[in-house]
Amino acid sequence: TGQPFVKQYVEERELTVMLLVDCSASGQFGSSARVKARVAAELCAVLALSAISNNDKVGLILFTDRVEHFVPPRKGKNRALRLIRDLLFFEPSNKGTNIAASLEYLHKVLPRRSITFLVSDFFGSDYEKPLRIANKRAEIVPICINDRRDYELPAVGFVQLADLETGNEVLVDTNSAAVRKWFRESRHKAKALRDRLFASLGIVPIEVQTDESYVRPLMRFFLHRERRLNEGR
């Protein structure tokens, strides 16, 4: 499950772990066996169980273009099971994404001694200012759920592409090398801007692919975090 290694590398006591999870419609996309939302739920379940086993509090915020659901942080196995159930079965009302609004809400309810895992595909925008404010108050760890088709279009002829969040559709000739290049470069440009923002804040994201195990990226993050904490002592 990945639970033991998380517990091994997180030593703080009386820590609050917040799971801030994007449940917008884009989470239902996936070109492999698992969609993004399923990967996010599994990964967050591991983090919730690990927090509880480490005697930490754990809470949950689910958001779309508004905050849809809030579970205050508490200790105990029942709290972890409640969060896992909500992650798997909660049905959001809206489809869009507003990372900024979720961070502003987080700032109101977040205790200072805390770590927040912000789980999203990060195709939203205009969240730089609230991210900077939230990161000054507590540690923010972005978990970026990626699918390979987010960045590469296959050459399969004319395809009707739909934005799951807005419902907008466009007919695209994927056999066109120029179209595939434009798509690839625009997506990688957006990712580069996101990564520069994280780097400017000293934030190390966890990159997860829908067609790969999330265990190794989590292990790398907690090993890096443990080294950084040890260097600061």
C-alpha atoms as a PDB file:
ATOM      1  CA  THR A   1       0.000   0.000   0.000  1.00  0.00           C
ATOM      2  CA  GLY A   2       2.972   2.324   0.511  1.00  0.00           C
ATOM      3  CA  GLN A   3       1.855   3.142   4.054  1.00  0.00           C
ATOM      4  CA  PRO A   4       5.011   2.052   5.993  1.00  0.00           C
ATOM      5  CA  PHE A   5       7.478   4.200   4.059  1.00  0.00           C
ATOM      6  CA  VAL A   6       5.349   7.330   4.520  1.00  0.00           C
ATOM      7  CA  LYS A   7       5.266   6.761   8.259  1.00  0.00           C
ATOM      8  CA  GLN A   8       9.002   6.107   8.288  1.00  0.00           C
ATOM      9  CA  TYR A   9       9.914   9.453   6.763  1.00  0.00           C
ATOM     10  CA  VAL A  10       7.402  11.756   8.446  1.00  0.00           C
ATOM     11  CA  GLU A  11       8.545  12.231  12.024  1.00  0.00           C
ATOM     12  CA  GLU A  12       6.723  15.340  13.162  1.00  0.00           C
ATOM     13  CA  ARG A  13       4.342  14.951  16.061  1.00  0.00           C
ATOM     14  CA  GLU A  14       0.876  16.468  16.295  1.00  0.00           C
ATOM     15  CA  LEU A  15       0.964  17.365  12.630  1.00  0.00           C
ATOM     16  CA  THR A  16      -2.186  18.168  10.678  1.00  0.00           C
ATOM     17  CA  VAL A  17      -2.355  16.648   7.207  1.00  0.00           C
ATOM     18  CA  MET A  18      -4.830  18.273   4.818  1.00  0.00           C
ATOM     19  CA  LEU A  19      -5.851  16.703   1.524  1.00  0.00           C
ATOM     20  CA  LEU A  20      -6.944  19.421  -0.917  1.00  0.00           C
ATOM     21  CA  VAL A  21      -8.308  17.492  -3.882  1.00  0.00           C
ATOM     22  CA  ASP A  22      -9.505  18.697  -7.292  1.00  0.00           C
ATOM     23  CA  CYS A  23     -12.694  16.787  -8.167  1.00  0.00           C
ATOM     24  CA  SER A  24     -13.506  18.712 -11.361  1.00  0.00           C
ATOM     25  CA  ALA A  25     -14.663  16.904 -14.509  1.00  0.00           C
ATOM     26  CA  SER A  26     -11.145  16.612 -15.937  1.00  0.00           C
ATOM     27  CA  GLY A  27     -10.498  14.016 -13.244  1.00  0.00           C
ATOM     28  CA  GLN A  28     -12.652  11.597 -15.227  1.00  0.00           C
ATOM     29  CA  PHE A  29     -10.098  11.549 -18.024  1.00  0.00           C
ATOM     30  CA  GLY A  30      -7.559   8.792 -18.426  1.00  0.00           C
ATOM     31  CA  SER A  31      -6.075   7.010 -21.435  1.00  0.00           C
ATOM     32  CA  SER A  32      -4.964   3.989 -19.394  1.00  0.00           C
ATOM     33  CA  ALA A  33      -6.863   1.637 -17.076  1.00  0.00           C
ATOM     34  CA  ARG A  34      -7.317   4.335 -14.412  1.00  0.00           C
ATOM     35  CA  VAL A  35      -8.722   7.836 -14.680  1.00  0.00           C
ATOM     36  CA  LYS A  36      -7.091  10.707 -12.801  1.00  0.00           C
ATOM     37  CA  ALA A  37      -9.765  10.777 -10.094  1.00  0.00           C
ATOM     38  CA  ARG A  38      -9.186   7.111  -9.262  1.00  0.00           C
ATOM     39  CA  VAL A  39      -5.429   7.617  -8.982  1.00  0.00           C
ATOM     40  CA  ALA A  40      -5.996  10.651  -6.751  1.00  0.00           C
ATOM     41  CA  ALA A  41      -8.370   8.690  -4.486  1.00  0.00           C
ATOM     42  CA  GLU A  42      -5.962   5.772  -4.103  1.00  0.00           C
ATOM     43  CA  LEU A  43      -3.007   8.045  -3.407  1.00  0.00           C
ATOM     44  CA  CYS A  44      -4.927  10.131  -0.876  1.00  0.00           C
ATOM     45  CA  ALA A  45      -6.120   6.958   0.864  1.00  0.00           C
ATOM     46  CA  VAL A  46      -2.480   5.983   1.409  1.00  0.00           C
ATOM     47  CA  LEU A  47      -1.676   9.440   2.795  1.00  0.00           C
ATOM     48  CA  ALA A  48      -4.733   9.439   5.087  1.00  0.00           C
ATOM     49  CA  LEU A  49      -3.989   5.997   6.543  1.00  0.00           C
ATOM     50  CA  SER A  50      -0.335   6.912   6.985  1.00  0.00           C
ATOM     51  CA  ALA A  51      -1.231  10.125   8.807  1.00  0.00           C
ATOM     52  CA  ILE A  52      -3.539   8.275  11.181  1.00  0.00           C
ATOM     53  CA  SER A  53      -0.973   5.552  11.842  1.00  0.00           C
ATOM     54  CA  ASN A  54       1.488   8.318  12.717  1.00  0.00           C
ATOM     55  CA  ASN A  55      -1.036   9.769  15.198  1.00  0.00           C
ATOM     56  CA  ASP A  56      -1.575  12.872  13.068  1.00  0.00           C
ATOM     57  CA  LYS A  57      -4.818  14.627  12.301  1.00  0.00           C
ATOM     58  CA  VAL A  58      -6.099  14.397   8.753  1.00  0.00           C
ATOM     59  CA  GLY A  59      -8.752  16.430   6.946  1.00  0.00           C
ATOM     60  CA  LEU A  60     -10.166  16.805   3.456  1.00  0.00           C
ATOM     61  CA  ILE A  61     -11.275  19.569   1.104  1.00  0.00           C
ATOM     62  CA  LEU A  62     -12.837  18.616  -2.238  1.00  0.00           C
ATOM     63  CA  PHE A  63     -13.146  21.407  -4.788  1.00  0.00           C
ATOM     64  CA  THR A  64     -14.218  22.189  -8.308  1.00  0.00           C
ATOM     65  CA  ASP A  65     -14.678  25.853  -9.232  1.00  0.00           C
ATOM     66  CA  ARG A  66     -15.829  26.196  -5.617  1.00  0.00           C
ATOM     67  CA  VAL A  67     -15.267  24.264  -2.406  1.00  0.00           C
ATOM     68  CA  GLU A  68     -17.677  21.323  -2.577  1.00  0.00           C
ATOM     69  CA  HIS A  69     -16.921  19.437   0.632  1.00  0.00           C
ATOM     70  CA  PHE A  70     -14.932  20.001   3.833  1.00  0.00           C
ATOM     71  CA  VAL A  71     -14.080  17.432   6.509  1.00  0.00           C
ATOM     72  CA  PRO A  72     -12.250  19.026   9.477  1.00  0.00           C
ATOM     73  CA  PRO A  73      -8.977  17.355  10.486  1.00  0.00           C
ATOM     74  CA  ARG A  74      -9.170  14.806  13.299  1.00  0.00           C
ATOM     75  CA  LYS A  75      -7.301  11.741  14.481  1.00  0.00           C
ATOM     76  CA  GLY A  76      -8.449   8.153  14.393  1.00  0.00           C
ATOM     77  CA  LYS A  77      -9.092   5.262  12.044  1.00  0.00           C
ATOM     78  CA  ASN A  78     -12.738   6.230  11.579  1.00  0.00           C
ATOM     79  CA  ARG A  79     -11.653   9.635  10.269  1.00  0.00           C
ATOM     80  CA  ALA A  80      -9.383   8.016   7.689  1.00  0.00           C
ATOM     81  CA  LEU A  81     -12.141   5.641   6.589  1.00  0.00           C
ATOM     82  CA  ARG A  82     -14.576   8.550   6.301  1.00  0.00           C
ATOM     83  CA  LEU A  83     -12.157  10.413   4.045  1.00  0.00           C
ATOM     84  CA  ILE A  84     -11.556   7.382   1.852  1.00  0.00           C
ATOM     85  CA  ARG A  85     -15.307   6.893   1.444  1.00  0.00           C
ATOM     86  CA  ASP A  86     -15.773  10.550   0.498  1.00  0.00           C
ATOM     87  CA  LEU A  87     -12.877  10.435  -1.961  1.00  0.00           C
ATOM     88  CA  LEU A  88     -14.411   7.436  -3.717  1.00  0.00           C
ATOM     89  CA  PHE A  89     -18.100   8.309  -3.690  1.00  0.00           C
ATOM     90  CA  PHE A  90     -18.610  12.077  -3.347  1.00  0.00           C
ATOM     91  CA  GLU A  91     -20.485  13.527  -6.325  1.00  0.00           C
ATOM     92  CA  PRO A  92     -19.522  17.170  -7.000  1.00  0.00           C
ATOM     93  CA  SER A  93     -22.149  19.661  -8.148  1.00  0.00           C
ATOM     94  CA  ASN A  94     -19.903  21.603 -10.536  1.00  0.00           C
ATOM     95  CA  LYS A  95     -17.436  20.640 -13.266  1.00  0.00           C
ATOM     96  CA  GLY A  96     -14.932  23.512 -13.428  1.00  0.00           C
ATOM     97  CA  THR A  97     -11.661  24.144 -11.604  1.00  0.00           C
ATOM     98  CA  ASN A  98     -10.693  27.053  -9.365  1.00  0.00           C
ATOM     99  CA  ILE A  99      -7.485  26.286  -7.498  1.00  0.00           C
ATOM    100  CA  ALA A 100      -7.279  29.859  -6.211  1.00  0.00           C
ATOM    101  CA  ALA A 101     -10.660  29.657  -4.456  1.00  0.00           C
ATOM    102  CA  SER A 102      -9.713  26.358  -2.809  1.00  0.00           C
ATOM    103  CA  LEU A 103      -6.458  27.838  -1.502  1.00  0.00           C
ATOM    104  CA  GLU A 104      -8.255  30.888  -0.142  1.00  0.00           C
ATOM    105  CA  TYR A 105     -10.673  28.604   1.715  1.00  0.00           C
ATOM    106  CA  LEU A 106      -7.762  26.503   2.965  1.00  0.00           C
ATOM    107  CA  HIS A 107      -6.122  29.627   4.391  1.00  0.00           C
ATOM    108  CA  LYS A 108      -9.217  30.248   6.546  1.00  0.00           C
ATOM    109  CA  VAL A 109      -9.383  26.762   8.082  1.00  0.00           C
ATOM    110  CA  LEU A 110      -5.732  25.650   8.071  1.00  0.00           C
ATOM    111  CA  PRO A 111      -3.732  25.388  11.312  1.00  0.00           C
ATOM    112  CA  ARG A 112      -0.158  26.583  11.057  1.00  0.00           C
ATOM    113  CA  ARG A 113       1.462  23.286  11.984  1.00  0.00           C
ATOM    114  CA  SER A 114       0.302  21.440   8.942  1.00  0.00           C
ATOM    115  CA  ILE A 115       1.154  20.005   5.565  1.00  0.00           C
ATOM    116  CA  THR A 116      -1.308  20.190   2.684  1.00  0.00           C
ATOM    117  CA  PHE A 117      -1.238  17.862  -0.296  1.00  0.00           C
ATOM    118  CA  LEU A 118      -2.828  19.744  -3.202  1.00  0.00           C
ATOM    119  CA  VAL A 119      -3.950  17.092  -5.705  1.00  0.00           C
ATOM    120  CA  SER A 120      -4.866  18.220  -9.226  1.00  0.00           C
ATOM    121  CA  ASP A 121      -3.891  18.012 -12.888  1.00  0.00           C
ATOM    122  CA  PHE A 122      -3.117  21.752 -12.520  1.00  0.00           C
ATOM    123  CA  PHE A 123      -4.725  22.869 -15.749  1.00  0.00           C
ATOM    124  CA  GLY A 124      -6.325  25.715 -13.826  1.00  0.00           C
ATOM    125  CA  SER A 125      -4.721  29.163 -13.787  1.00  0.00           C
ATOM    126  CA  ASP A 126      -4.399  32.396 -11.798  1.00  0.00           C
ATOM    127  CA  TYR A 127      -3.610  30.763  -8.452  1.00  0.00           C
ATOM    128  CA  GLU A 128      -0.116  32.218  -7.928  1.00  0.00           C
ATOM    129  CA  LYS A 129      -1.040  34.780  -5.242  1.00  0.00           C
ATOM    130  CA  PRO A 130      -3.161  32.477  -2.994  1.00  0.00           C
ATOM    131  CA  LEU A 131      -0.523  29.742  -3.361  1.00  0.00           C
ATOM    132  CA  ARG A 132       2.181  32.130  -2.171  1.00  0.00           C
ATOM    133  CA  ILE A 133       0.058  33.173   0.815  1.00  0.00           C
ATOM    134  CA  ALA A 134      -0.873  29.600   1.754  1.00  0.00           C
ATOM    135  CA  ASN A 135       2.725  28.423   1.418  1.00  0.00           C
ATOM    136  CA  LYS A 136       3.895  31.065   3.895  1.00  0.00           C
ATOM    137  CA  ARG A 137       1.415  29.776   6.457  1.00  0.00           C
ATOM    138  CA  ALA A 138       2.079  26.056   6.057  1.00  0.00           C
ATOM    139  CA  GLU A 139       3.807  23.540   3.812  1.00  0.00           C
ATOM    140  CA  ILE A 140       2.050  22.990   0.466  1.00  0.00           C
ATOM    141  CA  VAL A 141       2.890  19.888  -1.567  1.00  0.00           C
ATOM    142  CA  PRO A 142       1.401  19.769  -5.076  1.00  0.00           C
ATOM    143  CA  ILE A 143       0.616  16.283  -6.371  1.00  0.00           C
ATOM    144  CA  CYS A 144       0.303  16.599 -10.135  1.00  0.00           C
ATOM    145  CA  ILE A 145      -1.820  13.857 -11.699  1.00  0.00           C
ATOM    146  CA  ASN A 146      -0.758  13.521 -15.330  1.00  0.00           C
ATOM    147  CA  ASP A 147      -1.937  11.471 -18.272  1.00  0.00           C
ATOM    148  CA  ARG A 148       0.260  11.005 -21.315  1.00  0.00           C
ATOM    149  CA  ARG A 149      -2.538  12.189 -23.599  1.00  0.00           C
ATOM    150  CA  ASP A 150      -2.510  15.504 -21.745  1.00  0.00           C
ATOM    151  CA  TYR A 151       0.672  16.297 -23.662  1.00  0.00           C
ATOM    152  CA  GLU A 152       0.646  14.145 -26.804  1.00  0.00           C
ATOM    153  CA  LEU A 153      -2.076  13.679 -29.428  1.00  0.00           C
ATOM    154  CA  PRO A 154      -2.004  10.372 -31.325  1.00  0.00           C
ATOM    155  CA  ALA A 155      -2.220  10.519 -35.119  1.00  0.00           C
ATOM    156  CA  VAL A 156      -5.673   8.974 -35.586  1.00  0.00           C
ATOM    157  CA  GLY A 157      -7.324  11.338 -38.058  1.00  0.00           C
ATOM    158  CA  PHE A 158     -10.160  13.748 -37.292  1.00  0.00           C
ATOM    159  CA  VAL A 159     -11.180  13.686 -33.624  1.00  0.00           C
ATOM    160  CA  GLN A 160     -13.853  15.628 -31.756  1.00  0.00           C
ATOM    161  CA  LEU A 161     -12.088  16.901 -28.637  1.00  0.00           C
ATOM    162  CA  ALA A 162     -14.280  17.940 -25.701  1.00  0.00           C
ATOM    163  CA  ASP A 163     -13.379  20.002 -22.658  1.00  0.00           C
ATOM    164  CA  LEU A 164     -14.898  17.976 -19.819  1.00  0.00           C
ATOM    165  CA  GLU A 165     -15.202  21.057 -17.620  1.00  0.00           C
ATOM    166  CA  THR A 166     -16.748  23.542 -20.052  1.00  0.00           C
ATOM    167  CA  GLY A 167     -18.402  21.192 -22.523  1.00  0.00           C
ATOM    168  CA  ASN A 168     -16.760  23.033 -25.442  1.00  0.00           C
ATOM    169  CA  GLU A 169     -15.928  20.835 -28.426  1.00  0.00           C
ATOM    170  CA  VAL A 170     -13.576  21.246 -31.368  1.00  0.00           C
ATOM    171  CA  LEU A 171     -12.852  19.073 -34.410  1.00  0.00           C
ATOM    172  CA  VAL A 172      -9.114  18.426 -34.760  1.00  0.00           C
ATOM    173  CA  ASP A 173      -7.105  16.711 -37.497  1.00  0.00           C
ATOM    174  CA  THR A 174      -4.637  14.716 -35.432  1.00  0.00           C
ATOM    175  CA  ASN A 175      -2.878  13.518 -38.601  1.00  0.00           C
ATOM    176  CA  SER A 176      -1.545  17.064 -38.956  1.00  0.00           C
ATOM    177  CA  ALA A 177       1.989  17.261 -37.582  1.00  0.00           C
ATOM    178  CA  ALA A 178       1.512  21.004 -37.059  1.00  0.00           C
ATOM    179  CA  VAL A 179      -1.585  20.413 -34.916  1.00  0.00           C
ATOM    180  CA  ARG A 180       0.169  17.779 -32.809  1.00  0.00           C
ATOM    181  CA  LYS A 181       3.183  20.080 -32.396  1.00  0.00           C
ATOM    182  CA  TRP A 182       0.997  23.022 -31.357  1.00  0.00           C
ATOM    183  CA  PHE A 183      -0.832  20.866 -28.807  1.00  0.00           C
ATOM    184  CA  ARG A 184       2.388  19.426 -27.382  1.00  0.00           C
ATOM    185  CA  GLU A 185       4.184  22.784 -27.156  1.00  0.00           C
ATOM    186  CA  SER A 186       1.214  24.628 -25.599  1.00  0.00           C
ATOM    187  CA  ARG A 187       0.797  21.990 -22.906  1.00  0.00           C
ATOM    188  CA  HIS A 188       4.517  21.839 -22.131  1.00  0.00           C
ATOM    189  CA  LYS A 189       4.640  25.645 -21.983  1.00  0.00           C
ATOM    190  CA  ALA A 190       1.837  25.638 -19.390  1.00  0.00           C
ATOM    191  CA  LYS A 191       3.669  22.983 -17.379  1.00  0.00           C
ATOM    192  CA  ALA A 192       6.912  24.967 -17.527  1.00  0.00           C
ATOM    193  CA  LEU A 193       5.142  28.065 -16.162  1.00  0.00           C
ATOM    194  CA  ARG A 194       3.649  25.968 -13.353  1.00  0.00           C
ATOM    195  CA  ASP A 195       7.016  24.420 -12.509  1.00  0.00           C
ATOM    196  CA  ARG A 196       8.709  27.838 -12.414  1.00  0.00           C
ATOM    197  CA  LEU A 197       6.077  29.038  -9.957  1.00  0.00           C
ATOM    198  CA  PHE A 198       6.657  26.036  -7.708  1.00  0.00           C
ATOM    199  CA  ALA A 199      10.428  26.504  -7.879  1.00  0.00           C
ATOM    200  CA  SER A 200      10.154  30.195  -6.987  1.00  0.00           C
ATOM    201  CA  LEU A 201       8.329  29.179  -3.795  1.00  0.00           C
ATOM    202  CA  GLY A 202      10.728  26.381  -2.933  1.00  0.00           C
ATOM    203  CA  ILE A 203       7.942  23.853  -3.537  1.00  0.00           C
ATOM    204  CA  VAL A 204       8.807  20.352  -4.729  1.00  0.00           C
ATOM    205  CA  PRO A 205       5.852  18.771  -6.580  1.00  0.00           C
ATOM    206  CA  ILE A 206       5.086  15.064  -6.776  1.00  0.00           C
ATOM    207  CA  GLU A 207       4.514  14.016 -10.401  1.00  0.00           C
ATOM    208  CA  VAL A 208       2.218  11.009 -10.855  1.00  0.00           C
ATOM    209  CA  GLN A 209       1.202   9.287 -14.113  1.00  0.00           C
ATOM    210  CA  THR A 210      -2.133   7.517 -14.547  1.00  0.00           C
ATOM    211  CA  ASP A 211      -0.425   4.520 -16.157  1.00  0.00           C
ATOM    212  CA  GLU A 212       2.327   4.134 -13.533  1.00  0.00           C
ATOM    213  CA  SER A 213       2.541   3.332  -9.831  1.00  0.00           C
ATOM    214  CA  TYR A 214       2.462   6.348  -7.507  1.00  0.00           C
ATOM    215  CA  VAL A 215       4.588   4.552  -4.891  1.00  0.00           C
ATOM    216  CA  ARG A 216       7.959   5.512  -6.357  1.00  0.00           C
ATOM    217  CA  PRO A 217       7.158   9.250  -6.725  1.00  0.00           C
ATOM    218  CA  LEU A 218       5.908   9.294  -3.111  1.00  0.00           C
ATOM    219  CA  MET A 219       9.061   7.548  -1.910  1.00  0.00           C
ATOM    220  CA  ARG A 220      11.264  10.056  -3.728  1.00  0.00           C
ATOM    221  CA  PHE A 221       9.360  12.965  -2.202  1.00  0.00           C
ATOM    222  CA  PHE A 222       9.545  11.714   1.390  1.00  0.00           C
ATOM    223  CA  LEU A 223      13.227  10.793   1.069  1.00  0.00           C
ATOM    224  CA  HIS A 224      13.960  14.299  -0.251  1.00  0.00           C
ATOM    225  CA  ARG A 225      11.830  15.852   2.485  1.00  0.00           C
ATOM    226  CA  GLU A 226      13.589  13.845   5.198  1.00  0.00           C
ATOM    227  CA  ARG A 227      17.009  14.957   3.970  1.00  0.00           C
ATOM    228  CA  ARG A 228      15.848  18.577   3.877  1.00  0.00           C
ATOM    229  CA  LEU A 229      14.442  18.404   7.400  1.00  0.00           C
ATOM    230  CA  ASN A 230      17.629  16.813   8.715  1.00  0.00           C
ATOM    231  CA  GLU A 231      19.758  19.521   7.106  1.00  0.00           C
ATOM    232  CA  GLY A 232      17.619  22.172   8.823  1.00  0.00           C
ATOM    233  CA  ARG A 233      18.143  20.729  12.308  1.00  0.00           C
END
